[in-house]
Amino acid sequence: MDKKIKNSSIIYDFEDRPRLIWSIPLAFQHIVSMFVANITVPLLVSQVLNLTYEQTSFFIQCALLSSGIATLIQINKIGVFGSKLPIVMGTSNAFIATVIAITKNYSIGAALGASLIGSLIETFIGFNLNYLKKFFNNLVSGIIVTTIGITLIPVAFKQAMDLTSKQLSIESILISSLVLLIIIVLSASKNKTIKTSSVLISILAGYLIMYFIGELSFKPVVDANWITVPIPYQYKFEFKIGPILAMAFMYIATSIETVGDVSAITYMAKNREASNEELKGAVLSDGIGSLIASFLNAFPNTSYTQNIGVMSLTGVYSRHIVKIGGIMLIIGSLFPKLAAVIAIIPKPVLGGASIAMFSMIVVSGLSILKRVEFTNRNLLIIAISIGVGVGLSIVPEYTSLLSQDLQFILTSGVIPSGILAITMDKLLPKE
């Protein structure tokens, strides 16, 4: 361990290699922390599109595989790609609203095609990071993250209500409410393991309840194969201007989020700022990871902030442990039965958990805005940006006279909010 480190809470430093008997459970803890978030995008997309269990399982396998590959690239640093820092990569929840909107209004192929173009844009961002960072200060970033959370909350409630039968069920409301209550109770626990695993435990609890009341069938799990390698490029890419612009904007936003994650890790573990090489490598790794993901039928990959929280709680910053976690993800992607177990998670269960997760995104955005001075100017930018973005998302009829691409961009929520925030921040006088 580096003797220059002043932080006595660090148990394993970047280059430490604990014994395998300790490394495996510590790596599994990382997987548990990011697992729910990593499968949320393919699960929600599958449920919104009413895909079969087989199709859902396939998407989950692809998400796990691409996440594992992206994590290994990030840790090992291949050429200019990768930061060589203990960063776990996964399917980004920041893209949920955008991906769902594209798949509903266009197709899965359009979402993957837009993701492909977006990954190339993020690669460009990586090479020009210093210039683009100035557009995404705390004010703009906070507005974007807050808007993402607010526009996602209705998605969570629709899942919780489970309107598959077009009729509201009291059972669905009770189950989703119970899952949410379990998260609240466990999050208040003094036990760090229970606290950090509250979402996973609540989903497991809801899962078991649905099984015991006879509302969950394991037939898709029984029918699934034991081992299957996910086949790349199962959906033909479609390139539509609206989805591409939406994805491009989100890639820019998540690039800045990755910069924040890298800075947090180096500050906590080394008490120093991240080097330009680390920042550049991390963003480029996001780009190449998302490029690979699009060919593997998976959605954009980025650094996972929740795993930085795990490191902060545990004092374990070993790249070796995170590397084992990446290998675990790849191995897990080869077992369709595992994916099928996840695919049959009932909508009310996932919805109840999503209410908590998406609401926390709002809180994350507000915590970023806390760093901003609340002058009349900044309050105006916050109010107008979030108000217009959320308003157009809730009342899409406002744009009904426009073309499909323009409707999609304006009703996405985050794009009009982000554009307004950046524009007003640059044009309105500071005083």
Protein backbone atom coordinates (compact mmCIF):
# COMPACT_ATOMS: atom_id res chain seq x y z
CA MET A 1 0.00 0.00 0.00
CA ASP A 2 1.20 3.49 -0.81
CA LYS A 3 2.67 4.95 2.42
CA LYS A 4 1.93 8.48 1.28
CA ILE A 5 -1.80 7.94 1.61
CA LYS A 6 -3.13 9.86 4.58
CA ASN A 7 -6.58 8.26 4.60
CA SER A 8 -6.38 5.61 7.32
CA SER A 9 -9.80 4.22 6.38
CA ILE A 10 -8.35 2.60 3.23
CA ILE A 11 -8.06 -1.16 3.62
CA TYR A 12 -6.95 -2.10 0.08
CA ASP A 13 -5.34 0.42 -2.26
CA PHE A 14 -5.51 0.46 -6.08
CA GLU A 15 -2.77 -2.10 -6.66
CA ASP A 16 -3.37 -4.35 -3.65
CA ARG A 17 -4.25 -7.98 -4.40
CA PRO A 18 -6.07 -9.59 -1.46
CA ARG A 19 -6.18 -13.38 -1.21
CA LEU A 20 -8.79 -14.97 -3.48
CA ILE A 21 -10.85 -16.12 -0.51
CA TRP A 22 -11.40 -12.42 0.32
CA SER A 23 -11.37 -11.01 -3.20
CA ILE A 24 -14.35 -13.04 -4.43
CA PRO A 25 -16.87 -11.91 -1.78
CA LEU A 26 -15.60 -8.31 -2.03
CA ALA A 27 -16.04 -8.45 -5.82
CA PHE A 28 -19.51 -9.98 -5.40
CA GLN A 29 -20.43 -7.03 -3.17
CA HIS A 30 -19.70 -4.71 -6.11
CA ILE A 31 -21.89 -6.83 -8.39
CA VAL A 32 -24.74 -6.80 -5.86
CA SER A 33 -24.50 -3.00 -5.57
CA MET A 34 -24.79 -2.39 -9.31
CA PHE A 35 -26.82 -5.41 -10.39
CA VAL A 36 -30.31 -3.95 -10.05
CA ALA A 37 -29.35 -0.73 -11.83
CA ASN A 38 -27.57 -2.66 -14.61
CA ILE A 39 -30.64 -4.74 -15.47
CA THR A 40 -33.21 -1.96 -14.99
CA VAL A 41 -32.89 -0.60 -18.55
CA PRO A 42 -33.35 -3.93 -20.38
CA LEU A 43 -36.10 -4.94 -17.93
CA LEU A 44 -38.07 -1.72 -18.34
CA VAL A 45 -37.66 -1.68 -22.12
CA SER A 46 -38.83 -5.29 -22.31
CA GLN A 47 -41.84 -4.65 -20.09
CA VAL A 48 -42.83 -1.44 -21.87
CA LEU A 49 -42.67 -3.24 -25.23
CA ASN A 50 -44.31 -6.40 -23.81
CA LEU A 51 -41.46 -8.58 -25.02
CA THR A 52 -41.42 -12.31 -24.30
CA TYR A 53 -39.50 -13.77 -21.37
CA GLU A 54 -37.01 -15.22 -23.84
CA GLN A 55 -36.37 -11.82 -25.40
CA THR A 56 -36.08 -10.20 -21.97
CA SER A 57 -33.60 -12.84 -20.81
CA PHE A 58 -31.55 -12.25 -23.95
CA PHE A 59 -31.36 -8.49 -23.27
CA ILE A 60 -30.28 -9.14 -19.68
CA GLN A 61 -27.54 -11.51 -20.84
CA CYS A 62 -26.31 -8.85 -23.26
CA ALA A 63 -26.35 -6.18 -20.53
CA LEU A 64 -24.25 -8.37 -18.22
CA LEU A 65 -21.77 -9.28 -20.98
CA SER A 66 -21.24 -5.70 -22.17
CA SER A 67 -20.90 -4.48 -18.59
CA GLY A 68 -18.21 -7.05 -17.83
CA ILE A 69 -16.25 -6.24 -20.99
CA ALA A 70 -16.48 -2.48 -20.41
CA THR A 71 -15.32 -2.90 -16.78
CA LEU A 72 -12.24 -4.88 -17.85
CA ILE A 73 -11.36 -2.25 -20.48
CA GLN A 74 -11.71 0.52 -17.91
CA ILE A 75 -9.50 -1.24 -15.35
CA ASN A 76 -6.77 -2.65 -17.61
CA LYS A 77 -6.35 0.42 -19.86
CA ILE A 78 -6.02 -0.80 -23.43
CA GLY A 79 -4.11 1.85 -25.36
CA VAL A 80 -5.77 5.20 -24.67
CA PHE A 81 -8.97 3.49 -23.51
CA GLY A 82 -9.35 3.07 -19.77
CA SER A 83 -8.35 4.93 -16.62
CA LYS A 84 -6.66 2.01 -14.82
CA LEU A 85 -8.85 2.90 -11.83
CA PRO A 86 -11.27 0.63 -9.90
CA ILE A 87 -14.38 1.73 -11.81
CA VAL A 88 -17.32 -0.61 -12.38
CA MET A 89 -19.10 -0.08 -15.70
CA GLY A 90 -22.73 -0.84 -16.48
CA THR A 91 -25.84 0.04 -18.47
CA SER A 92 -26.55 3.63 -17.46
CA ASN A 93 -29.85 4.52 -15.78
CA ALA A 94 -29.39 8.06 -17.06
CA PHE A 95 -30.43 6.74 -20.48
CA ILE A 96 -33.63 5.02 -19.29
CA ALA A 97 -36.08 7.73 -20.32
CA THR A 98 -34.32 8.27 -23.66
CA VAL A 99 -34.07 4.55 -24.50
CA ILE A 100 -37.70 3.87 -23.57
CA ALA A 101 -38.90 6.83 -25.63
CA ILE A 102 -36.87 5.74 -28.68
CA THR A 103 -37.97 2.09 -28.50
CA LYS A 104 -41.63 3.12 -28.07
CA ASN A 105 -41.69 5.76 -30.81
CA TYR A 106 -39.24 4.12 -33.23
CA SER A 107 -37.71 0.69 -32.56
CA ILE A 108 -35.03 -1.20 -30.66
CA GLY A 109 -32.84 -0.94 -33.77
CA ALA A 110 -33.20 2.85 -33.70
CA ALA A 111 -32.12 2.92 -30.04
CA LEU A 112 -29.07 0.75 -30.73
CA GLY A 113 -28.20 2.75 -33.86
CA ALA A 114 -28.42 6.03 -31.94
CA SER A 115 -26.31 4.50 -29.17
CA LEU A 116 -23.67 3.53 -31.73
CA ILE A 117 -23.43 7.09 -33.05
CA GLY A 118 -23.50 8.43 -29.49
CA SER A 119 -20.56 6.23 -28.51
CA LEU A 120 -18.50 7.74 -31.34
CA ILE A 121 -19.49 11.20 -30.11
CA GLU A 122 -18.35 10.33 -26.58
CA THR A 123 -15.05 9.10 -27.98
CA PHE A 124 -14.66 12.50 -29.63
CA ILE A 125 -15.54 14.12 -26.28
CA GLY A 126 -12.78 12.10 -24.62
CA PHE A 127 -10.18 13.56 -26.95
CA ASN A 128 -11.55 17.10 -26.47
CA LEU A 129 -12.58 16.89 -22.82
CA ASN A 130 -11.07 20.13 -21.55
CA TYR A 131 -13.01 22.25 -24.05
CA LEU A 132 -16.41 20.65 -23.42
CA LYS A 133 -16.21 20.55 -19.61
CA LYS A 134 -16.90 24.28 -19.31
CA PHE A 135 -20.42 23.87 -20.71
CA PHE A 136 -21.44 21.45 -17.95
CA ASN A 137 -20.92 23.24 -14.65
CA ASN A 138 -22.79 22.34 -11.44
CA LEU A 139 -25.80 24.44 -12.44
CA VAL A 140 -26.29 22.67 -15.78
CA SER A 141 -25.41 19.21 -14.45
CA GLY A 142 -27.78 19.58 -11.51
CA ILE A 143 -30.65 20.63 -13.76
CA ILE A 144 -30.07 17.70 -16.12
CA VAL A 145 -29.87 15.07 -13.35
CA THR A 146 -32.93 16.49 -11.56
CA THR A 147 -34.97 16.47 -14.78
CA ILE A 148 -33.93 12.89 -15.53
CA GLY A 149 -35.23 11.78 -12.14
CA ILE A 150 -38.51 13.70 -12.34
CA THR A 151 -39.34 12.40 -15.83
CA LEU A 152 -38.54 8.81 -14.77
CA ILE A 153 -40.83 8.76 -11.72
CA PRO A 154 -44.04 8.36 -13.82
CA VAL A 155 -42.40 5.34 -15.52
CA ALA A 156 -41.85 3.75 -12.10
CA PHE A 157 -45.44 4.37 -11.02
CA LYS A 158 -46.82 2.85 -14.21
CA GLN A 159 -44.73 -0.24 -13.55
CA ALA A 160 -45.93 -0.34 -9.95
CA MET A 161 -49.57 -0.19 -11.09
CA ASP A 162 -49.03 -3.00 -13.62
CA LEU A 163 -51.73 -2.01 -16.09
CA THR A 164 -51.12 -5.02 -18.34
CA SER A 165 -54.78 -6.00 -17.98
CA LYS A 166 -55.83 -2.33 -18.43
CA GLN A 167 -57.38 -2.51 -14.96
CA LEU A 168 -55.83 -1.20 -11.75
CA SER A 169 -55.20 -3.97 -9.23
CA ILE A 170 -55.17 -3.39 -5.46
CA GLU A 171 -52.74 -6.31 -5.27
CA SER A 172 -50.23 -4.48 -7.47
CA ILE A 173 -50.51 -1.33 -5.37
CA LEU A 174 -49.98 -3.27 -2.14
CA ILE A 175 -46.98 -5.24 -3.44
CA SER A 176 -45.22 -2.18 -4.89
CA SER A 177 -45.91 -0.21 -1.70
CA LEU A 178 -44.50 -3.05 0.41
CA VAL A 179 -41.32 -3.19 -1.69
CA LEU A 180 -40.91 0.58 -1.28
CA LEU A 181 -41.50 0.30 2.48
CA ILE A 182 -38.84 -2.42 2.80
CA ILE A 183 -36.33 -0.16 1.03
CA ILE A 184 -37.11 2.68 3.43
CA VAL A 185 -36.71 0.46 6.52
CA LEU A 186 -33.50 -1.23 5.34
CA SER A 187 -31.95 2.06 4.22
CA ALA A 188 -32.21 3.26 7.81
CA SER A 189 -30.26 0.23 9.06
CA LYS A 190 -26.95 0.76 10.87
CA ASN A 191 -25.62 -2.37 9.15
CA LYS A 192 -23.68 -1.16 6.09
CA THR A 193 -24.20 -4.38 4.13
CA ILE A 194 -27.97 -4.31 4.63
CA LYS A 195 -28.11 -0.59 3.89
CA THR A 196 -26.20 -0.81 0.60
CA SER A 197 -28.19 -3.89 -0.48
CA SER A 198 -31.63 -2.49 0.42
CA VAL A 199 -32.91 -2.38 -3.18
CA LEU A 200 -31.76 -5.92 -3.95
CA ILE A 201 -33.23 -7.31 -0.71
CA SER A 202 -36.56 -5.54 -1.29
CA ILE A 203 -36.83 -6.98 -4.80
CA LEU A 204 -36.06 -10.46 -3.50
CA ALA A 205 -38.72 -10.03 -0.81
CA GLY A 206 -41.34 -8.88 -3.32
CA TYR A 207 -40.30 -11.69 -5.63
CA LEU A 208 -40.90 -14.31 -2.93
CA ILE A 209 -44.22 -12.78 -1.87
CA MET A 210 -45.50 -12.90 -5.46
CA TYR A 211 -44.41 -16.54 -5.66
CA PHE A 212 -46.17 -17.58 -2.46
CA ILE A 213 -49.44 -15.89 -3.45
CA GLY A 214 -49.34 -17.74 -6.76
CA GLU A 215 -48.62 -14.75 -9.02
CA LEU A 216 -45.21 -15.89 -10.26
CA SER A 217 -44.47 -18.73 -12.65
CA PHE A 218 -41.02 -20.29 -12.98
CA LYS A 219 -41.85 -21.96 -16.29
CA PRO A 220 -39.66 -19.49 -18.28
CA VAL A 221 -36.73 -20.42 -16.00
CA VAL A 222 -37.34 -24.15 -16.47
CA ASP A 223 -37.61 -23.72 -20.24
CA ALA A 224 -34.43 -21.62 -20.52
CA ASN A 225 -31.15 -23.20 -21.63
CA TRP A 226 -28.35 -23.70 -19.14
CA ILE A 227 -25.56 -22.11 -21.19
CA THR A 228 -25.82 -19.82 -24.23
CA VAL A 229 -23.46 -17.23 -25.65
CA PRO A 230 -25.34 -13.98 -26.52
CA ILE A 231 -25.20 -13.49 -30.29
CA PRO A 232 -24.14 -9.98 -31.40
CA TYR A 233 -26.12 -7.73 -33.75
CA GLN A 234 -29.54 -9.35 -33.44
CA TYR A 235 -31.27 -6.04 -34.23
CA LYS A 236 -30.50 -4.15 -37.41
CA PHE A 237 -29.27 -0.62 -36.72
CA GLU A 238 -31.59 2.20 -37.73
CA PHE A 239 -30.30 5.76 -37.87
CA LYS A 240 -32.97 8.40 -37.16
CA ILE A 241 -32.13 12.04 -36.54
CA GLY A 242 -34.34 12.48 -33.45
CA PRO A 243 -33.01 9.49 -31.51
CA ILE A 244 -29.41 10.32 -32.52
CA LEU A 245 -29.69 13.89 -31.21
CA ALA A 246 -31.29 12.65 -27.98
CA MET A 247 -28.59 10.05 -27.42
CA ALA A 248 -25.81 12.49 -28.30
CA PHE A 249 -26.99 14.93 -25.67
CA MET A 250 -27.17 12.20 -23.02
CA TYR A 251 -23.68 10.96 -23.90
CA ILE A 252 -22.33 14.46 -23.33
CA ALA A 253 -24.06 14.63 -19.94
CA THR A 254 -22.85 11.21 -18.78
CA SER A 255 -19.31 12.05 -19.91
CA ILE A 256 -19.28 14.81 -17.34
CA GLU A 257 -20.71 12.37 -14.77
CA THR A 258 -17.78 10.03 -15.47
CA VAL A 259 -15.35 12.91 -14.92
CA GLY A 260 -16.97 13.42 -11.53
CA ASP A 261 -16.69 9.72 -10.67
CA VAL A 262 -12.99 9.60 -11.53
CA SER A 263 -12.31 12.74 -9.54
CA ALA A 264 -14.17 11.28 -6.54
CA ILE A 265 -12.11 8.07 -6.59
CA THR A 266 -8.71 9.76 -6.79
CA TYR A 267 -9.65 12.27 -4.12
CA MET A 268 -10.96 9.63 -1.68
CA ALA A 269 -8.16 7.12 -2.22
CA LYS A 270 -5.15 9.34 -3.00
CA ASN A 271 -6.19 12.77 -1.77
CA ARG A 272 -5.33 14.26 -5.17
CA GLU A 273 -7.01 15.48 -8.32
CA ALA A 274 -7.44 13.06 -11.20
CA SER A 275 -4.82 13.36 -13.92
CA ASN A 276 -5.78 14.39 -17.45
CA GLU A 277 -4.73 10.93 -18.63
CA GLU A 278 -7.09 9.26 -16.13
CA LEU A 279 -10.00 11.52 -17.05
CA LYS A 280 -9.43 11.13 -20.77
CA GLY A 281 -9.01 7.35 -20.50
CA ALA A 282 -12.18 6.96 -18.42
CA VAL A 283 -14.38 8.87 -20.88
CA LEU A 284 -12.82 7.08 -23.85
CA SER A 285 -13.53 3.79 -22.07
CA ASP A 286 -17.17 4.86 -21.75
CA GLY A 287 -17.21 5.47 -25.48
CA ILE A 288 -15.61 2.21 -26.59
CA GLY A 289 -17.64 0.26 -24.00
CA SER A 290 -20.88 1.70 -25.36
CA LEU A 291 -19.75 1.03 -28.93
CA ILE A 292 -19.20 -2.64 -28.08
CA ALA A 293 -22.50 -2.71 -26.17
CA SER A 294 -24.47 -1.51 -29.20
CA PHE A 295 -23.16 -4.46 -31.24
CA LEU A 296 -23.95 -6.78 -28.32
CA ASN A 297 -27.62 -5.65 -28.29
CA ALA A 298 -27.04 -3.68 -25.08
CA PHE A 299 -27.59 -0.04 -24.23
CA PRO A 300 -24.99 2.65 -23.28
CA ASN A 301 -22.41 1.82 -20.62
CA THR A 302 -20.88 4.28 -18.21
CA SER A 303 -19.16 4.43 -14.82
CA TYR A 304 -21.30 3.46 -11.83
CA THR A 305 -21.40 6.05 -9.07
CA GLN A 306 -23.02 3.64 -6.57
CA ASN A 307 -19.89 1.47 -6.65
CA ILE A 308 -17.80 4.46 -5.65
CA GLY A 309 -20.11 4.65 -2.64
CA VAL A 310 -19.31 1.00 -1.91
CA MET A 311 -15.59 1.78 -1.95
CA SER A 312 -16.10 4.75 0.34
CA LEU A 313 -18.08 2.63 2.81
CA THR A 314 -15.72 -0.36 2.78
CA GLY A 315 -12.31 1.25 2.22
CA VAL A 316 -11.64 -1.28 -0.57
CA TYR A 317 -10.22 0.38 -3.71
CA SER A 318 -8.41 -2.59 -5.26
CA ARG A 319 -8.44 -2.80 -9.07
CA HIS A 320 -7.85 -6.53 -8.69
CA ILE A 321 -11.18 -6.96 -6.87
CA VAL A 322 -13.13 -4.93 -9.43
CA LYS A 323 -11.48 -6.96 -12.19
CA ILE A 324 -12.83 -10.16 -10.60
CA GLY A 325 -16.24 -8.47 -10.54
CA GLY A 326 -15.99 -7.80 -14.29
CA ILE A 327 -15.15 -11.47 -14.90
CA MET A 328 -18.16 -12.47 -12.76
CA LEU A 329 -20.43 -10.34 -14.96
CA ILE A 330 -19.14 -12.01 -18.13
CA ILE A 331 -19.57 -15.50 -16.64
CA GLY A 332 -23.09 -14.61 -15.45
CA SER A 333 -24.04 -13.50 -18.98
CA LEU A 334 -23.57 -17.05 -20.29
CA PHE A 335 -26.37 -18.56 -18.18
CA PRO A 336 -29.87 -17.94 -19.63
CA LYS A 337 -31.50 -19.49 -16.56
CA LEU A 338 -30.01 -16.72 -14.42
CA ALA A 339 -31.30 -14.12 -16.87
CA ALA A 340 -34.71 -15.80 -16.89
CA VAL A 341 -34.93 -15.60 -13.09
CA ILE A 342 -34.44 -11.86 -13.44
CA ALA A 343 -36.74 -11.53 -16.45
CA ILE A 344 -39.78 -12.84 -14.55
CA ILE A 345 -39.52 -10.16 -11.84
CA PRO A 346 -43.15 -8.92 -11.59
CA LYS A 347 -43.82 -5.35 -12.70
CA PRO A 348 -45.18 -4.19 -9.29
CA VAL A 349 -41.98 -5.41 -7.62
CA LEU A 350 -39.69 -3.63 -10.07
CA GLY A 351 -41.97 -0.58 -10.01
CA GLY A 352 -41.83 -0.27 -6.22
CA ALA A 353 -38.03 -0.42 -6.28
CA SER A 354 -37.85 1.98 -9.22
CA ILE A 355 -39.87 4.61 -7.36
CA ALA A 356 -37.10 4.72 -4.76
CA MET A 357 -34.23 4.56 -7.28
CA PHE A 358 -35.61 7.24 -9.59
CA SER A 359 -36.57 9.51 -6.70
CA MET A 360 -32.97 9.26 -5.49
CA ILE A 361 -31.85 10.52 -8.91
CA VAL A 362 -33.88 13.66 -8.22
CA VAL A 363 -32.16 14.00 -4.85
CA SER A 364 -28.76 13.55 -6.52
CA GLY A 365 -29.61 16.39 -8.88
CA LEU A 366 -30.69 18.60 -6.00
CA SER A 367 -27.47 17.80 -4.12
CA ILE A 368 -25.50 19.04 -7.14
CA LEU A 369 -27.62 22.22 -7.24
CA LYS A 370 -26.78 22.79 -3.56
CA ARG A 371 -23.27 23.71 -4.70
CA VAL A 372 -24.72 26.54 -6.81
CA GLU A 373 -25.29 30.01 -5.39
CA PHE A 374 -29.03 30.63 -5.41
CA THR A 375 -29.03 34.07 -7.03
CA ASN A 376 -32.11 35.35 -8.86
CA ARG A 377 -30.35 34.55 -12.12
CA ASN A 378 -29.59 30.95 -11.21
CA LEU A 379 -33.04 30.37 -9.71
CA LEU A 380 -34.60 31.60 -12.95
CA ILE A 381 -32.45 29.22 -15.01
CA ILE A 382 -33.33 26.29 -12.72
CA ALA A 383 -37.05 27.08 -12.75
CA ILE A 384 -37.45 27.62 -16.49
CA SER A 385 -35.20 24.72 -17.55
CA ILE A 386 -36.81 22.11 -15.29
CA GLY A 387 -40.32 23.53 -15.75
CA VAL A 388 -40.21 23.45 -19.56
CA GLY A 389 -38.47 20.06 -19.73
CA VAL A 390 -40.83 18.33 -17.32
CA GLY A 391 -43.89 20.14 -18.69
CA LEU A 392 -43.27 19.02 -22.27
CA SER A 393 -42.63 15.49 -21.04
CA ILE A 394 -45.92 15.35 -19.12
CA VAL A 395 -47.99 17.13 -21.80
CA PRO A 396 -46.52 15.87 -25.12
CA GLU A 397 -49.65 17.10 -26.95
CA TYR A 398 -48.12 20.58 -26.82
CA THR A 399 -45.79 19.56 -29.65
CA SER A 400 -48.32 17.59 -31.72
CA LEU A 401 -48.13 19.97 -34.70
CA LEU A 402 -44.40 19.34 -35.17
CA SER A 403 -42.56 16.55 -36.99
CA GLN A 404 -42.00 13.21 -35.22
CA ASP A 405 -38.29 13.88 -34.66
CA LEU A 406 -38.93 17.32 -33.16
CA GLN A 407 -41.73 15.93 -30.99
CA PHE A 408 -39.40 13.25 -29.70
CA ILE A 409 -36.59 15.70 -28.89
CA LEU A 410 -38.84 18.24 -27.17
CA THR A 411 -40.84 15.72 -25.13
CA SER A 412 -37.76 13.83 -23.91
CA GLY A 413 -37.57 16.08 -20.86
CA VAL A 414 -33.83 16.18 -20.41
CA ILE A 415 -32.92 17.62 -23.84
CA PRO A 416 -35.00 20.82 -23.67
CA SER A 417 -33.98 21.23 -20.01
CA GLY A 418 -30.31 20.82 -20.83
CA ILE A 419 -30.36 23.07 -23.89
CA LEU A 420 -32.23 25.81 -22.03
CA ALA A 421 -29.87 25.54 -19.05
CA ILE A 422 -26.72 25.77 -21.19
CA THR A 423 -28.09 28.59 -23.36
CA MET A 424 -29.35 30.74 -20.47
CA ASP A 425 -26.19 30.12 -18.45
CA LYS A 426 -24.06 31.41 -21.31
CA LEU A 427 -26.30 34.33 -22.36
CA LEU A 428 -27.70 35.73 -19.12
CA PRO A 429 -25.36 38.20 -17.36
CA LYS A 430 -23.79 36.93 -14.15
CA GLU A 431 -24.86 40.03 -12.21
